Protein backbone atom coordinates (compact mmCIF):
# COMPACT_ATOMS: atom_id res chain seq x y z
CA MET A 1 -0.33 -0.04 -0.15
CA ILE A 2 2.20 2.31 1.65
CA VAL A 3 4.58 1.59 -1.71
CA ASN A 4 1.94 2.03 -4.59
CA HIS A 5 0.50 5.55 -2.49
CA TYR A 6 4.71 6.60 -3.14
CA ILE A 7 4.74 5.12 -6.92
CA ASN A 8 1.74 7.13 -7.86
CA LYS A 9 2.69 10.44 -6.38
CA LEU A 10 5.48 10.04 -8.43
CA LYS A 11 3.39 9.52 -11.69
CA ASP A 12 1.74 12.30 -10.81
CA THR A 13 5.40 14.53 -11.02
CA VAL A 14 5.64 16.30 -14.38
CA PHE A 15 9.54 14.80 -13.84
CA PHE A 16 8.19 11.42 -14.12
CA ARG A 17 6.25 12.58 -16.88
CA GLY A 18 9.19 14.02 -18.39
CA GLY A 19 10.86 11.53 -18.22
CA ILE A 20 8.41 9.01 -19.89
CA ALA A 21 8.43 11.28 -23.04
CA ALA A 22 12.19 11.10 -22.81
CA ILE A 23 12.69 7.35 -23.33
CA ASP A 24 9.02 7.86 -25.52
CA GLN A 25 11.25 10.58 -27.39
CA LEU A 26 14.53 8.20 -27.88
CA ILE A 27 12.63 5.08 -28.60
CA LEU A 28 11.65 7.40 -31.74
CA SER A 29 15.06 8.39 -32.38
CA ILE A 30 17.06 5.12 -32.00
CA THR A 31 14.23 4.41 -34.87
CA ASN A 32 14.28 7.34 -37.24
CA LEU A 33 18.53 7.42 -36.63
CA LEU A 34 18.53 3.57 -38.01
CA VAL A 35 16.14 4.67 -40.40
CA GLN A 36 18.63 7.17 -41.96
CA ILE A 37 21.19 4.44 -41.12
CA VAL A 38 20.03 1.74 -43.45
CA LEU A 39 19.51 4.29 -46.57
CA ILE A 40 23.47 5.62 -45.50
CA LYS A 41 23.65 2.20 -46.57
CA LEU A 42 21.66 1.77 -49.78
CA VAL A 43 21.42 4.21 -51.37
CA SER A 44 23.24 6.83 -53.39
CA LYS A 45 24.21 9.91 -51.58
CA GLU A 46 22.13 12.15 -53.38
CA GLU A 47 19.30 10.77 -52.54
CA PHE A 48 20.53 10.91 -49.05
CA GLY A 49 19.69 14.00 -49.49
CA TYR A 50 16.78 14.43 -51.33
CA TYR A 51 15.48 11.95 -47.92
CA SER A 52 16.82 14.95 -45.83
CA ILE A 53 14.74 17.90 -47.54
CA ALA A 54 11.45 14.97 -47.33
CA LEU A 55 12.75 15.11 -44.03
CA SER A 56 12.18 18.36 -43.15
CA ILE A 57 9.04 19.63 -45.19
CA ILE A 58 7.04 16.52 -42.96
CA THR A 59 8.19 18.02 -39.85
CA TYR A 60 6.83 21.27 -41.03
CA SER A 61 3.83 19.62 -41.50
CA MET A 62 3.97 18.90 -38.18
CA SER A 63 4.76 22.10 -37.32
CA PHE A 64 1.60 23.90 -39.04
CA GLN A 65 -1.00 20.81 -37.37
CA ASN A 66 1.12 22.17 -33.70
CA ALA A 67 0.00 25.68 -34.16
CA VAL A 68 -3.42 25.15 -35.87
CA VAL A 69 -4.51 22.56 -34.28
CA ASN A 70 -2.50 20.71 -31.07
CA THR A 71 -0.74 24.43 -29.24
CA PRO A 72 -3.83 25.55 -29.20
CA MET A 73 -5.62 22.45 -26.92
CA THR A 74 -3.02 22.04 -24.68
CA VAL A 75 -2.74 25.18 -23.76
CA THR A 76 -6.90 25.90 -23.35
CA LEU A 77 -8.01 22.48 -22.78
CA ALA A 78 -6.90 22.84 -19.00
CA SER A 79 -9.71 25.86 -18.68
CA LYS A 80 -12.55 23.78 -20.30
CA ASN A 81 -15.29 20.85 -17.97
CA GLU A 82 -15.35 17.64 -19.57
CA VAL A 83 -18.03 17.91 -21.71
CA GLU A 84 -16.37 20.90 -23.26
CA LYS A 85 -12.99 19.17 -23.96
CA ASN A 86 -14.78 16.94 -25.65
CA GLU A 87 -16.51 18.85 -27.95
CA TYR A 88 -13.97 20.12 -28.93
CA THR A 89 -11.70 17.44 -29.01
CA ALA A 90 -13.96 15.85 -31.16
CA SER A 91 -13.94 19.04 -33.88
CA LEU A 92 -10.75 19.26 -34.36
CA PHE A 93 -9.27 15.97 -35.06
CA LEU A 94 -12.57 15.20 -37.76
CA GLY A 95 -11.52 18.50 -38.69
CA GLN A 96 -8.58 17.36 -39.30
CA TYR A 97 -9.09 14.06 -40.53
CA ARG A 98 -11.21 15.43 -43.40
CA VAL A 99 -8.23 17.16 -44.50
CA LEU A 100 -6.15 14.84 -44.26
CA GLY A 101 -8.28 11.70 -45.79
CA LEU A 102 -8.80 13.99 -49.08
CA LEU A 103 -5.52 15.05 -49.91
CA ALA A 104 -4.22 11.40 -49.76
CA ILE A 105 -6.70 10.26 -52.06
CA MET A 106 -5.23 12.87 -53.96
CA GLY A 107 -1.69 11.53 -53.65
CA ILE A 108 -3.16 8.62 -54.68
CA LEU A 109 -5.01 9.20 -57.97
CA SER A 110 -1.78 11.54 -59.04
CA TYR A 111 0.51 7.98 -58.75
CA VAL A 112 -1.82 5.86 -60.99
CA ILE A 113 -2.08 8.57 -63.98
CA VAL A 114 1.53 9.91 -63.58
CA LYS A 115 2.51 6.13 -63.52
CA SER A 116 0.09 4.64 -66.37
CA LEU A 117 2.32 8.04 -68.00
CA GLY A 118 4.79 6.50 -67.53
CA SER A 119 6.63 10.16 -65.93
CA MET A 120 7.35 9.10 -63.22
CA ASN A 121 10.83 10.32 -61.48
CA THR A 122 12.41 10.37 -57.98
CA GLU A 123 11.12 14.04 -56.70
CA THR A 124 7.83 13.05 -58.35
CA ALA A 125 7.58 9.91 -56.45
CA LEU A 126 8.38 11.84 -52.97
CA VAL A 127 6.15 14.41 -53.48
CA LEU A 128 3.42 12.11 -53.68
CA ALA A 129 4.76 10.07 -51.29
CA LEU A 130 4.01 12.40 -48.68
CA MET A 131 1.11 13.26 -49.73
CA ILE A 132 0.41 9.96 -49.38
CA ALA A 133 1.91 9.89 -45.86
CA VAL A 134 0.78 12.76 -43.74
CA PHE A 135 -2.62 11.74 -43.30
CA GLY A 136 -0.74 8.57 -41.08
CA ILE A 137 1.51 11.04 -39.70
CA LEU A 138 -0.60 14.16 -38.70
CA ASN A 139 -3.61 12.06 -37.04
CA ARG A 140 -1.22 10.25 -34.91
CA GLU A 141 0.83 13.15 -34.20
CA PHE A 142 -2.65 14.92 -32.66
CA LEU A 143 -3.11 11.54 -30.79
CA ARG A 144 0.12 11.57 -29.05
CA ALA A 145 -0.30 15.62 -27.66
CA TYR A 146 -3.74 14.36 -27.12
CA PHE A 147 -2.16 12.38 -24.68
CA PHE A 148 -0.07 14.67 -23.39
CA THR A 149 -2.06 17.00 -22.49
CA GLU A 150 -4.39 14.43 -20.49
CA GLU A 151 -1.06 13.45 -19.24
CA LEU A 152 -0.95 10.10 -20.04
CA PRO A 153 2.54 9.98 -21.42
CA LEU A 154 2.70 5.94 -20.71
CA LYS A 155 -0.20 6.01 -23.56
CA VAL A 156 1.83 7.76 -25.95
CA LEU A 157 4.94 5.04 -25.49
CA LYS A 158 2.22 2.02 -26.27
CA ILE A 159 1.55 4.10 -29.43
CA ASP A 160 5.00 4.89 -30.18
CA LEU A 161 6.57 1.37 -29.74
CA GLY A 162 3.26 0.20 -32.15
CA TYR A 163 4.49 2.48 -34.43
CA VAL A 164 8.18 1.68 -34.35
CA LEU A 165 7.72 -2.55 -34.87
CA LEU A 166 5.07 -1.86 -38.02
CA TYR A 167 8.04 0.81 -39.69
CA LEU A 168 10.29 -1.90 -38.91
CA ALA A 169 8.58 -4.20 -39.60
CA PHE A 170 7.24 -2.76 -43.83
CA ILE A 171 11.67 -1.90 -43.76
CA ALA A 172 12.58 -4.73 -43.65
CA ILE A 173 10.34 -7.12 -45.26
CA SER A 174 10.27 -4.85 -48.46
CA TYR A 175 14.69 -5.09 -47.62
CA PHE A 176 14.47 -8.36 -48.87
CA VAL A 177 11.51 -8.67 -50.95
CA TYR A 178 11.85 -5.65 -52.95
CA LYS A 179 14.26 -2.87 -52.65
CA ILE A 180 14.31 -0.08 -50.87
CA SER A 181 13.99 3.33 -51.94
CA VAL A 182 12.59 6.98 -50.48
CA PRO A 183 9.95 7.43 -51.58
CA LEU A 184 8.72 3.62 -50.01
CA VAL A 185 10.01 4.59 -46.72
CA ILE A 186 8.34 7.64 -46.88
CA ILE A 187 4.97 5.19 -47.46
CA PHE A 188 6.21 3.14 -45.06
CA MET A 189 5.88 5.83 -41.90
CA GLY A 190 2.59 6.55 -42.91
CA LEU A 191 1.32 3.38 -43.19
CA ALA A 192 3.22 2.66 -40.01
CA ALA A 193 1.39 5.32 -38.22
CA ALA A 194 -1.66 5.12 -39.92
CA PHE A 195 -2.45 1.94 -38.72
CA ASP A 196 -1.08 2.12 -35.42
CA SER A 197 -3.28 5.15 -34.40
CA LEU A 198 -6.91 5.35 -36.25
CA VAL A 199 -7.26 0.62 -35.99
CA LEU A 200 -4.86 0.05 -32.25
CA ASN A 201 -6.56 3.20 -31.39
CA LYS A 202 -10.12 2.40 -32.52
CA ASN A 203 -11.67 2.45 -28.93
CA LEU A 204 -10.51 6.17 -28.96
CA SER A 205 -13.78 6.91 -31.03
CA PHE A 206 -13.87 10.86 -31.18
CA LYS A 207 -17.29 10.57 -33.29
CA ARG A 208 -19.05 9.52 -30.72
CA TYR A 209 -18.64 12.72 -29.30
CA LYS A 210 -20.62 16.05 -30.33
CA HIS A 211 -18.96 18.23 -32.77
CA ASN A 212 -18.16 21.85 -34.00
CA ILE A 213 -15.97 21.71 -36.33
CA LYS A 214 -15.81 25.13 -37.22
CA GLY A 215 -16.55 26.56 -33.88
CA ALA A 216 -13.28 24.77 -32.90
CA TYR A 217 -10.69 26.00 -35.93
CA LYS A 218 -12.28 29.76 -35.03
CA GLU A 219 -11.33 29.80 -30.98
CA ASN A 220 -7.92 28.10 -32.42
CA PHE A 221 -7.24 30.81 -35.10
CA GLU A 222 -7.13 33.64 -32.49
CA ILE A 223 -4.24 31.83 -30.78
CA SER A 224 -3.23 29.61 -34.48
CA LYS A 225 -2.93 33.05 -36.17
CA TRP A 226 0.25 34.12 -34.34
CA ALA A 227 1.72 30.85 -33.98
CA LEU A 228 1.32 29.97 -37.46
CA LEU A 229 3.50 32.59 -38.76
CA GLY A 230 5.84 31.93 -35.63
CA ILE A 231 6.64 28.64 -36.90
CA THR A 232 7.29 28.89 -40.66
CA VAL A 233 9.52 31.86 -39.66
CA THR A 234 11.07 29.50 -37.21
CA HIS A 235 11.18 26.57 -40.17
CA LEU A 236 12.25 28.48 -42.90
CA GLN A 237 15.05 29.65 -39.68
CA THR A 238 16.08 25.87 -38.94
CA PHE A 239 16.31 24.28 -41.92
CA SER A 240 17.61 27.42 -43.55
CA TYR A 241 21.26 25.93 -44.35
CA LEU A 242 19.76 22.97 -45.90
CA TYR A 243 17.88 25.03 -48.53
CA ILE A 244 20.41 27.13 -49.13
CA ILE A 245 23.16 24.21 -49.03
CA GLY A 246 21.10 21.95 -51.18
CA TYR A 247 20.73 25.41 -53.61
CA ILE A 248 23.60 26.64 -53.74
CA LEU A 249 25.58 23.30 -53.19
CA GLY A 250 23.70 20.25 -54.02
CA SER A 251 21.67 16.97 -52.80
CA ALA A 252 25.27 15.57 -52.20
CA ALA A 253 25.75 18.24 -49.90
CA VAL A 254 22.39 18.20 -48.15
CA ALA A 255 23.57 14.32 -47.37
CA ASP A 256 27.00 15.45 -45.17
CA VAL A 257 25.46 18.05 -43.09
CA SER A 258 22.25 15.32 -42.04
CA ALA A 259 24.39 12.93 -41.93
CA SER A 260 26.50 15.26 -39.30
CA ARG A 261 23.60 15.75 -37.78
CA LEU A 262 22.80 12.57 -37.31
CA LEU A 263 24.95 11.48 -34.66
CA LEU A 264 23.52 14.63 -32.19
CA MET A 265 19.98 13.84 -33.54
CA PRO A 266 18.61 11.53 -29.94
CA LEU A 267 18.78 15.15 -27.91
CA GLY A 268 16.88 16.58 -31.24
CA PHE A 269 13.67 14.06 -29.85
CA LEU A 270 14.62 14.90 -26.06
CA ILE A 271 13.64 18.63 -26.83
CA ASN A 272 10.60 17.91 -28.40
CA GLY A 273 9.75 15.42 -25.69
CA TRP A 274 10.03 17.46 -23.41
CA GLY A 275 8.30 20.06 -24.91
CA ASN A 276 4.97 18.10 -25.15
CA VAL A 277 4.99 17.24 -21.08
CA VAL A 278 5.42 21.00 -19.99
CA ARG A 279 3.51 22.92 -21.91
CA PRO A 280 0.68 21.03 -20.92
CA TYR A 281 2.57 21.31 -17.53
CA GLY A 282 2.81 24.95 -17.67
CA ALA A 283 -0.97 25.19 -18.43
CA LYS A 284 -1.83 24.15 -15.19
CA LEU A 285 0.57 25.63 -14.03
CA ARG A 286 -0.97 29.32 -14.42
CA GLU A 287 -4.40 28.86 -14.41
CA GLN A 288 -2.97 27.77 -10.66
CA GLY A 289 -1.32 31.05 -10.67
CA ARG A 290 2.00 29.25 -10.28
CA ILE A 291 3.55 30.59 -13.13
CA ASN A 292 6.33 31.87 -11.73
CA GLU A 293 7.51 28.40 -10.33
CA PHE A 294 7.14 27.39 -14.06
CA PHE A 295 9.03 30.12 -15.48
CA LYS A 296 12.06 28.73 -12.72
CA LYS A 297 11.84 24.37 -13.63
CA LEU A 298 12.36 25.75 -17.34
CA VAL A 299 15.59 27.71 -16.10
CA LEU A 300 17.39 24.45 -14.42
CA MET A 301 16.20 22.50 -17.61
CA SER A 302 17.81 24.83 -19.59
CA LEU A 303 21.01 25.02 -17.51
CA ALA A 304 20.91 21.22 -17.85
CA PHE A 305 21.44 20.84 -20.96
CA PRO A 306 24.19 21.83 -21.87
CA VAL A 307 25.71 19.90 -20.39
CA LEU A 308 24.24 16.90 -21.36
CA VAL A 309 24.89 17.63 -24.91
CA ALA A 310 28.79 17.81 -24.11
CA ILE A 311 29.20 14.80 -22.36
CA ALA A 312 27.54 13.27 -26.18
CA VAL A 313 29.92 15.06 -27.77
CA LEU A 314 32.74 14.16 -25.84
CA LEU A 315 31.18 10.27 -26.34
CA LEU A 316 31.34 10.55 -29.88
CA PHE A 317 34.65 11.46 -30.42
CA LEU A 318 35.63 9.30 -28.36
CA PHE A 319 34.43 6.51 -30.39
CA LYS A 320 35.11 8.37 -33.57
CA ASP A 321 37.12 5.42 -35.19
CA LEU A 322 34.27 2.95 -34.56
CA LEU A 323 30.68 4.69 -35.53
CA ILE A 324 32.50 5.83 -38.72
CA SER A 325 33.01 2.03 -39.69
CA LEU A 326 29.85 0.67 -38.77
CA PHE A 327 27.68 3.07 -40.01
CA PHE A 328 28.87 5.02 -42.06
CA HIS A 329 31.36 4.85 -44.94
CA LYS A 330 33.87 6.96 -46.74
CA ASP A 331 31.54 8.76 -49.07
CA TYR A 332 30.90 10.68 -45.79
CA ALA A 333 34.12 10.31 -44.13
CA GLY A 334 34.23 14.51 -43.05
CA ILE A 335 30.59 14.94 -40.77
CA TYR A 336 33.25 14.93 -37.91
CA ASN A 337 34.78 18.50 -39.04
CA TYR A 338 31.00 19.82 -38.00
CA LEU A 339 29.86 18.18 -34.69
CA ILE A 340 31.49 21.47 -32.97
CA ILE A 341 29.48 23.06 -34.88
CA TRP A 342 26.36 21.04 -33.74
CA GLY A 343 26.83 21.25 -30.29
CA PHE A 344 26.51 24.12 -29.54
CA LEU A 345 23.57 24.04 -32.54
CA PHE A 346 21.46 21.57 -29.86
CA SER A 347 22.40 23.20 -26.77
CA ILE A 348 21.02 26.74 -28.56
CA SER A 349 18.15 25.33 -29.68
CA PHE A 350 17.12 23.72 -26.03
CA PHE A 351 17.49 26.68 -24.34
CA SER A 352 15.33 28.98 -26.78
CA ALA A 353 13.17 26.25 -27.07
CA ASN A 354 12.14 26.89 -23.35
CA ALA A 355 11.52 29.93 -23.97
CA SER A 356 8.67 29.76 -26.60
CA TYR A 357 7.46 26.81 -24.39
CA GLY A 358 7.34 28.87 -21.97
CA LEU A 359 5.41 32.20 -24.24
CA GLN A 360 3.10 29.50 -25.38
CA VAL A 361 1.71 28.92 -22.25
CA VAL A 362 1.33 32.90 -21.13
CA LYS A 363 -0.21 32.12 -24.98
CA LYS A 364 1.90 35.18 -26.08
CA PHE A 365 2.19 34.31 -29.54
CA LYS A 366 2.47 37.35 -31.29
CA SER A 367 5.35 38.70 -30.19
CA LEU A 368 6.98 35.26 -30.86
CA ALA A 369 5.85 35.31 -34.03
CA LEU A 370 7.67 38.98 -34.58
CA LEU A 371 9.63 38.34 -33.11
CA ASN A 372 11.13 35.82 -35.14
CA GLY A 373 10.67 36.67 -38.18
CA LEU A 374 13.61 39.54 -37.50
CA THR A 375 15.65 36.74 -36.70
CA MET A 376 14.87 34.57 -39.76
CA ILE A 377 16.05 37.51 -41.75
CA ILE A 378 19.31 37.91 -40.32
CA THR A 379 19.62 34.19 -40.53
CA ILE A 380 18.69 33.81 -43.76
CA GLY A 381 21.27 36.18 -44.98
CA LEU A 382 23.97 34.88 -43.09
CA SER A 383 23.45 31.76 -44.25
CA PHE A 384 24.11 32.76 -48.17
CA ILE A 385 26.83 35.30 -47.49
CA LEU A 386 28.37 32.03 -45.12
CA THR A 387 27.68 29.20 -47.39
CA LEU A 388 29.31 31.23 -50.37
CA ASN A 389 32.48 31.64 -48.73
CA TYR A 390 32.30 29.18 -46.45
CA LYS A 391 30.48 26.02 -47.22
CA ILE A 392 28.88 23.74 -44.95
CA SER A 393 30.77 25.18 -41.73
CA GLY A 394 29.62 28.88 -43.03
CA ALA A 395 25.91 27.97 -43.10
CA LEU A 396 25.47 26.15 -39.98
CA ILE A 397 27.55 29.60 -38.26
CA ALA A 398 25.02 31.28 -39.56
CA SER A 399 22.80 29.27 -38.32
CA LEU A 400 23.98 29.52 -34.67
CA ILE A 401 23.89 33.46 -34.81
CA GLY A 402 20.85 33.55 -35.94
CA SER A 403 19.57 31.21 -32.98
CA LEU A 404 21.30 32.42 -30.26
CA ILE A 405 20.01 36.00 -30.73
CA PHE A 406 16.31 34.44 -30.87
CA ALA A 407 16.79 32.73 -27.39
CA THR A 408 17.78 35.69 -25.86
CA ILE A 409 15.64 37.40 -26.86
CA LEU A 410 12.67 35.08 -26.53
CA TRP A 411 13.78 35.09 -22.72
CA PHE A 412 13.98 38.74 -22.50
CA ASN A 413 10.43 38.43 -23.62
CA LEU A 414 9.62 35.74 -21.50
CA ARG A 415 10.60 37.40 -18.10
CA SER A 416 8.78 40.38 -18.44
CA ALA A 417 5.60 38.12 -19.81
CA VAL A 418 6.12 36.78 -16.33
CA LYS A 419 6.25 39.68 -14.57
CA ASN A 420 3.23 40.97 -16.22
CA PHE A 421 1.53 38.33 -15.93
CA LYS A 422 1.92 37.44 -12.55
CA ILE A 423 0.54 40.37 -11.31
CA LEU A 424 -2.39 40.96 -13.87
């Protein structure tokens, strides 16, 4: 009895939920890392470069969904009663389900037409694969956000374990029966996500609740109109190095910089996992008038994360030769040249992300979007100049400068918002 009491008490803490989210993100990170290693081994460098660009597009689609659907849901559910919650979430889910379903049907029909005309190439196949795959990917992301908001991280872990097993099984079957290609891997990602979220979780039927799609999205728009601008400029700032490298240096250079980022990719997923937990937690503290406590925890985590990054970078250098021989090949021998820059970038990204999560919780989306727009212009301008002069290193340094400026401004504004919120 006493043991169960303390276990239940532990489960109610943000650190437990954050720990489960971290484990969940680590599993997803290892899976994505494994898939990318397989692609590095089996497809051309140019095709792996296309895969990296496709992943950035998927990331943007998820960010778009977060702005329009998931983040407004995360920060507003705490203020609704049970009936309002059910109607609101049902409306959001069914609205996006219909749009994504139509997009997937258009993708399938386009694939059939293009294939029958004999006009299929890698770029076209990749675009159509993305149109089809986002149906499963974004429906799964909605359910993940919903369960995190309801503070059920173990449910998210169960969903993601099912997704990982299906995704890897599809790839393994394709490898032994047919062949591996980037468009096919994107399709497998969407199929695994769709089956996992919509079939394995069929008991969570939002159709049984009363819904008002127009009303729910209108409510979200008060927040999402600025969040949408914010995620667009954030995406351009974050991935400008990738697009500019591709434009100036070609897809093979994109493969190099993506492979170098791969070494620290698990840390990127930890950032996202922390965000999934800390936003609903912060929303609850906001409703309880404890926003200052929330701010202190954001500061604490922001200081702890760079230590983790430094340890990871040190270990990667210690095992450099082994990792290169096991997971890469001679075409990727230069990826360690960019590892230290990536270490600084990941540290600043977490620092910046925490301030962003804080501003989202206190609903300062307008300032978040406008500030990011300014730093995006600086980052893109620097990226063009430094890439032309210093190639890949120049593009990454430009991203680092832009991220540092943005993070500094965000924390200054978050501190100001917290003080004003306390007075109100």
